[in-house]
C-alpha cells in the first residue's frame, strides 16, 4: 500500500511554483503499552470525569476553559476555537535562505520527505535541490498545517528534499542558564590527547539499523517469561556498581585502558606497563632451641 501524502501543494520561489507532495519521514518505534489493572479482580480500571461536590458529569456538559487566574476561567466552545484556526494553505513560500549550519539543532522538530508531484514538476524540483546543495543553504518559510502555523526548512537529501518543522524561539530553553556553572578552564593536554585517540579509534560509518532499543527488547522478554511462568515473580539481576575514586586518576586510567590493544606493543597515546617488581626473598626462620 502506497504511503499517503501528509500535504499536497506547491513550493513557490519568486515566480516559480513547484507542485510537490510531502510524506512523513519517521514512524513510531516499538513500544510496550500497559493498562492499569485492579489486582484482586484482574479487571481493567476505568476513569470517570467528575466534579467535586457534584459527581460524574455528562460529556455533553464539558467545555474547554482557560484559567487566567486561580479559580477563574474563560470558557470557549469548539466553534469559537475553530474560528481562529488557520486554513491549510496550498503554497509554501520560500522567504529566506540561511547557511546550513546556522540553525541550532535544538530548533529542528520533525522531518518530512518532499517529492515532485508529477513529471512536469521534476525539472524545477531538481534545480531547486541542486541550487540548495551548491550554495550550502537552507530554505525557510511558514506553512499552515492542521490549524496552526509552522516554521519550516528545506534542504537536499539524496535525490529529494527534506522539510523539517522548526520550534519557535519561545519553545526552546536558553542553554546559558544550564551551562553557566561549567568551568572555562582548558582540559589537561594529556587527557585531551587520549580522548582524541579514543575518538579516532572508534570513528566509523553510521548504520542506524545496528542500534536497538534494549529497554523495549528486555521488557518484551520479561513479559514473555512472565507469561510462561504463569504470573510467578521474576527477579532482576543486580549489577555491581563501579568503584569510585579520584576523578583525575580514574579518567586517565580509563582512557588509557580504552585505547590499549591486547597483545600489542605500547604506541602513541597508549599506556606503558611498568615492569613487575620482584617480591623480596623470605628470611629463614630462626632455629628452635632444644629443651
Protein backbone atom coordinates (compact mmCIF):
# COMPACT_ATOMS: atom_id res chain seq x y z
CA UNK A 1 0.00 0.00 0.00
CA UNK A 2 1.45 3.36 -1.10
CA UNK A 3 2.16 5.94 1.58
CA UNK A 4 -0.41 8.69 1.93
CA UNK A 5 0.79 12.26 1.39
CA UNK A 6 0.71 14.40 4.54
CA UNK A 7 0.35 17.58 2.44
CA UNK A 8 -0.07 18.43 -1.23
CA UNK A 9 0.61 21.86 -2.68
CA UNK A 10 3.35 23.90 -4.27
CA UNK A 11 6.66 25.41 -3.27
CA UNK A 12 6.98 28.95 -4.56
CA UNK A 13 10.30 30.70 -5.13
CA UNK A 14 9.70 34.16 -6.58
CA UNK A 15 7.69 33.49 -9.77
CA UNK A 16 8.49 29.76 -9.90
CA UNK A 17 5.95 27.29 -8.47
CA UNK A 18 6.79 23.60 -7.99
CA UNK A 19 3.93 21.13 -7.29
CA UNK A 20 5.06 18.75 -4.54
CA UNK A 21 3.85 16.14 -2.09
CA UNK A 22 5.08 15.80 1.49
CA UNK A 23 5.33 12.48 3.34
CA UNK A 24 6.21 11.77 6.97
CA UNK A 25 9.85 10.65 7.18
CA UNK A 26 9.52 8.93 10.56
CA UNK A 27 7.28 6.42 12.28
CA UNK A 28 6.60 5.39 15.85
CA UNK A 29 9.13 2.96 17.24
CA UNK A 30 8.39 -0.26 19.07
CA UNK A 31 6.72 0.49 22.38
CA UNK A 32 5.09 -1.56 25.11
CA UNK A 33 1.81 -0.15 26.41
CA UNK A 34 0.46 -1.01 29.86
CA UNK A 35 -3.06 -0.85 31.27
CA UNK A 36 -3.89 -0.31 34.92
CA UNK A 37 -5.48 -3.43 36.42
CA UNK A 38 -7.40 -3.99 39.66
CA UNK A 39 -5.28 -6.85 41.07
CA UNK A 40 -7.94 -8.61 43.24
CA UNK A 41 -10.34 -8.99 40.27
CA UNK A 42 -7.94 -8.77 37.32
CA UNK A 43 -10.23 -6.24 35.63
CA UNK A 44 -9.12 -3.08 33.86
CA UNK A 45 -9.55 0.22 35.69
CA UNK A 46 -11.70 2.88 34.02
CA UNK A 47 -11.91 6.57 34.81
CA UNK A 48 -14.91 8.81 35.22
CA UNK A 49 -14.98 12.57 34.80
CA UNK A 50 -16.35 14.06 38.00
CA UNK A 51 -16.96 17.49 39.50
CA UNK A 52 -16.13 17.92 43.21
CA UNK A 53 -19.39 18.03 45.15
CA UNK A 54 -21.40 17.02 42.07
CA UNK A 55 -20.10 13.61 41.00
CA UNK A 56 -19.96 12.10 37.48
CA UNK A 57 -20.95 14.50 34.68
CA UNK A 58 -22.37 14.15 31.18
CA UNK A 59 -19.68 14.59 28.46
CA UNK A 60 -22.03 16.99 26.64
CA UNK A 61 -21.77 19.38 29.59
CA UNK A 62 -17.98 19.66 29.34
CA UNK A 63 -16.41 22.70 27.62
CA UNK A 64 -12.83 23.96 27.33
CA UNK A 65 -11.64 26.66 29.70
CA UNK A 66 -8.51 28.81 30.04
CA UNK A 67 -7.51 29.69 33.61
CA UNK A 68 -6.45 33.36 33.61
CA UNK A 69 -6.14 33.43 37.41
CA UNK A 70 -6.65 30.81 40.11
CA UNK A 71 -10.26 29.59 40.10
CA UNK A 72 -11.32 31.88 37.21
CA UNK A 73 -11.71 30.62 33.66
CA UNK A 74 -12.58 31.92 30.20
CA UNK A 75 -14.92 29.30 28.66
CA UNK A 76 -14.69 28.54 24.94
CA UNK A 77 -16.75 26.15 22.83
CA UNK A 78 -15.41 24.18 19.85
CA UNK A 79 -16.87 26.57 17.25
CA UNK A 80 -15.09 29.55 18.83
CA UNK A 81 -11.77 27.69 18.82
CA UNK A 82 -12.26 26.53 15.23
CA UNK A 83 -12.92 30.11 14.10
CA UNK A 84 -9.31 31.18 14.78
CA UNK A 85 -7.59 28.12 13.29
CA UNK A 86 -5.56 28.80 10.16
CA UNK A 87 -6.63 27.17 6.92
CA UNK A 88 -4.04 24.84 5.43
CA UNK A 89 -2.58 26.77 2.52
CA UNK A 90 -1.63 25.07 -0.70
CA UNK A 91 1.50 27.18 -1.16
CA UNK A 92 4.78 27.18 0.76
CA UNK A 93 6.50 30.50 0.07
CA UNK A 94 10.30 30.38 0.46
CA UNK A 95 11.09 33.74 2.05
CA UNK A 96 14.67 33.37 3.33
CA UNK A 97 17.86 31.35 2.92
CA UNK A 98 20.48 30.72 5.64
CA UNK A 99 23.75 28.79 5.91
CA UNK A 100 23.13 25.09 6.56
CA UNK A 101 24.90 25.21 9.95
CA UNK A 102 23.31 28.44 11.18
CA UNK A 103 20.18 26.83 12.68
CA UNK A 104 20.80 25.29 16.09
CA UNK A 105 19.90 21.59 16.23
CA UNK A 106 17.52 22.34 19.15
CA UNK A 107 15.10 24.06 16.78
CA UNK A 108 14.55 21.07 14.49
CA UNK A 109 11.39 19.17 15.36
CA UNK A 110 10.12 16.65 12.78
CA UNK A 111 11.29 15.68 9.26
CA UNK A 112 9.22 15.07 6.12
CA UNK A 113 10.18 13.89 2.63
CA UNK A 114 9.38 16.28 -0.23
CA UNK A 115 8.97 14.84 -3.75
CA UNK A 116 7.79 16.33 -7.07
CA UNK A 117 4.06 15.81 -7.61
CA UNK A 118 4.46 14.77 -11.25
CA UNK A 119 6.91 14.53 -14.14
CA UNK A 120 6.31 18.15 -15.18
CA UNK A 121 7.41 19.39 -11.73
CA UNK A 122 10.57 17.27 -11.66
CA UNK A 123 12.88 19.62 -13.59
CA UNK A 124 12.15 22.66 -11.39
CA UNK A 125 12.37 20.44 -8.30
CA UNK A 126 15.87 19.22 -9.28
CA UNK A 127 17.02 22.78 -10.00
CA UNK A 128 15.94 23.90 -6.51
CA UNK A 129 17.55 20.85 -4.87
CA UNK A 130 20.90 21.34 -6.61
CA UNK A 131 20.90 25.11 -6.04
CA UNK A 132 20.49 24.50 -2.30
CA UNK A 133 23.23 21.85 -2.39
CA UNK A 134 25.76 24.01 -4.26
CA UNK A 135 25.18 27.10 -2.15
CA UNK A 136 25.05 25.02 1.08
CA UNK A 137 21.94 26.95 2.08
CA UNK A 138 18.70 26.00 3.84
CA UNK A 139 15.41 27.49 2.63
CA UNK A 140 12.93 28.85 5.19
CA UNK A 141 9.20 29.57 5.05
CA UNK A 142 5.98 29.25 7.06
CA UNK A 143 3.29 26.69 6.43
CA UNK A 144 -0.17 26.33 7.93
CA UNK A 145 -1.00 22.70 8.72
CA UNK A 146 -3.94 21.32 10.69
CA UNK A 147 -4.90 24.59 12.28
CA UNK A 148 -1.52 26.01 13.28
CA UNK A 149 1.39 27.66 11.53
CA UNK A 150 4.89 26.17 11.45
CA UNK A 151 8.30 27.50 10.54
CA UNK A 152 9.77 25.02 8.06
CA UNK A 153 13.18 24.47 6.49
CA UNK A 154 14.09 22.72 3.24
CA UNK A 155 17.43 21.08 2.45
CA UNK A 156 18.69 18.50 -0.06
CA UNK A 157 18.53 14.79 0.84
CA UNK A 158 19.84 12.37 -1.76
CA UNK A 159 17.62 12.68 -4.83
CA UNK A 160 14.95 14.52 -2.88
CA UNK A 161 14.43 17.31 -0.36
CA UNK A 162 13.72 17.10 3.36
CA UNK A 163 11.32 19.54 5.00
CA UNK A 164 11.67 19.94 8.77
CA UNK A 165 9.29 21.75 11.07
CA UNK A 166 11.09 24.08 13.47
CA UNK A 167 10.31 25.13 17.03
CA UNK A 168 9.63 28.79 17.76
CA UNK A 169 12.13 30.71 19.90
CA UNK A 170 9.86 30.65 22.97
CA UNK A 171 9.72 26.83 22.80
CA UNK A 172 13.47 26.40 23.37
CA UNK A 173 15.22 26.87 26.73
CA UNK A 174 18.31 29.06 26.60
CA UNK A 175 21.43 26.93 27.08
CA UNK A 176 23.25 29.63 29.05
CA UNK A 177 21.14 29.08 32.17
CA UNK A 178 22.15 25.39 32.22
CA UNK A 179 25.83 25.70 31.27
CA UNK A 180 26.85 28.85 33.17
CA UNK A 181 28.33 26.95 36.14
CA UNK A 182 30.62 24.81 33.95
CA UNK A 183 34.26 25.90 34.22
CA UNK A 184 36.04 27.69 31.33
CA UNK A 185 39.36 26.05 32.21
CA UNK A 186 41.30 24.29 29.45
CA UNK A 187 41.41 20.50 29.92
CA UNK A 188 44.62 18.61 30.72
CA UNK A 189 46.52 18.19 27.43
CA UNK A 190 47.40 14.54 28.06
CA UNK A 191 43.80 13.67 28.86
CA UNK A 192 42.68 15.52 25.73
CA UNK A 193 45.17 13.61 23.55
CA UNK A 194 43.96 10.30 24.98
CA UNK A 195 40.32 11.27 24.37
CA UNK A 196 41.11 12.26 20.75
CA UNK A 197 42.92 8.97 20.20
CA UNK A 198 39.92 7.05 21.53
CA UNK A 199 37.55 9.05 19.28
CA UNK A 200 39.69 8.31 16.22
CA UNK A 201 39.82 4.63 17.12
CA UNK A 202 36.04 4.39 17.41
CA UNK A 203 35.20 6.53 14.36
CA UNK A 204 33.13 4.59 11.79
CA UNK A 205 30.23 4.99 9.38
CA UNK A 206 26.79 5.41 10.96
CA UNK A 207 24.49 2.41 10.41
CA UNK A 208 21.22 3.12 12.29
CA UNK A 209 19.94 -0.42 11.77
CA UNK A 210 22.66 -1.66 14.12
CA UNK A 211 21.07 0.13 17.07
CA UNK A 212 18.10 -1.26 19.00
CA UNK A 213 16.06 -0.10 21.96
CA UNK A 214 17.45 -2.54 24.52
CA UNK A 215 14.89 -1.50 27.13
CA UNK A 216 11.96 -2.43 24.87
CA UNK A 217 13.65 -5.72 23.92
CA UNK A 218 14.24 -6.56 27.60
CA UNK A 219 10.68 -5.58 28.52
CA UNK A 220 9.22 -7.83 25.82
CA UNK A 221 11.45 -10.68 27.03
CA UNK A 222 10.34 -10.07 30.63
CA UNK A 223 6.65 -10.13 29.60
CA UNK A 224 7.12 -13.37 27.67
CA UNK A 225 8.96 -15.06 30.58
CA UNK A 226 6.29 -13.84 32.99
CA UNK A 227 3.55 -15.21 30.72
CA UNK A 228 5.23 -18.62 30.51
CA UNK A 229 5.81 -18.73 34.27
CA UNK A 230 2.06 -18.12 34.79
CA UNK A 231 2.50 -14.97 36.85
CA UNK A 232 5.37 -16.07 39.10
CA UNK A 233 7.61 -13.28 40.38
CA UNK A 234 10.68 -12.74 38.19
CA UNK A 235 13.68 -11.22 39.97
CA UNK A 236 16.04 -8.94 38.08
CA UNK A 237 19.77 -9.48 38.37
CA UNK A 238 21.53 -6.63 40.15
CA UNK A 239 24.63 -5.13 38.53
CA UNK A 240 27.61 -4.33 40.72
CA UNK A 241 28.22 -0.58 40.90
CA UNK A 242 31.70 0.50 39.70
CA UNK A 243 34.12 1.61 42.40
CA UNK A 244 34.69 5.36 42.62
CA UNK A 245 37.99 7.01 43.33
CA UNK A 246 39.91 10.13 42.39
CA UNK A 247 38.29 11.50 39.21
CA UNK A 248 41.57 12.53 37.53
CA UNK A 249 43.28 9.20 38.22
CA UNK A 250 40.18 7.22 37.21
CA UNK A 251 39.73 9.24 34.00
CA UNK A 252 43.37 8.86 32.99
CA UNK A 253 43.37 5.13 33.71
CA UNK A 254 40.05 4.59 31.96
CA UNK A 255 41.14 6.44 28.81
CA UNK A 256 44.45 4.59 28.65
CA UNK A 257 42.76 1.23 29.16
CA UNK A 258 40.17 2.05 26.49
CA UNK A 259 42.76 2.59 23.75
CA UNK A 260 45.04 -0.33 24.65
CA UNK A 261 45.05 -3.30 22.28
CA UNK A 262 45.54 -6.71 23.90
CA UNK A 263 48.97 -8.11 22.99
CA UNK A 264 50.02 -5.00 21.06
CA UNK A 265 53.13 -3.02 21.87
CA UNK A 266 52.58 0.33 23.55
CA UNK A 267 52.33 3.06 20.95
CA UNK A 268 51.42 6.72 20.81
CA UNK A 269 48.77 7.51 23.38
CA UNK A 270 48.95 4.00 24.80
CA UNK A 271 49.79 3.39 28.45
CA UNK A 272 53.13 1.66 29.03
CA UNK A 273 53.16 -1.06 31.65
CA UNK A 274 55.76 -0.76 34.37
CA UNK A 275 57.94 -3.86 34.93
CA UNK A 276 56.67 -6.07 37.72
CA UNK A 277 58.57 -5.74 40.97
CA UNK A 278 60.14 -8.93 42.39
CA UNK A 279 58.92 -9.95 45.82
CA UNK A 280 61.70 -9.78 48.49
CA UNK A 281 63.21 -13.14 49.44
CA UNK A 282 61.88 -14.65 52.63
CA UNK A 283 64.32 -14.81 55.58
CA UNK A 284 64.92 -18.32 57.01
CA UNK A 285 63.11 -18.98 60.26
CA UNK A 286 65.40 -18.96 63.34
CA UNK A 287 66.43 -22.42 64.70
CA UNK A 288 64.47 -23.56 67.72
CA UNK A 289 66.48 -24.38 70.86
CA UNK A 290 66.28 -27.86 72.28
CA UNK A 291 64.83 -28.20 75.73
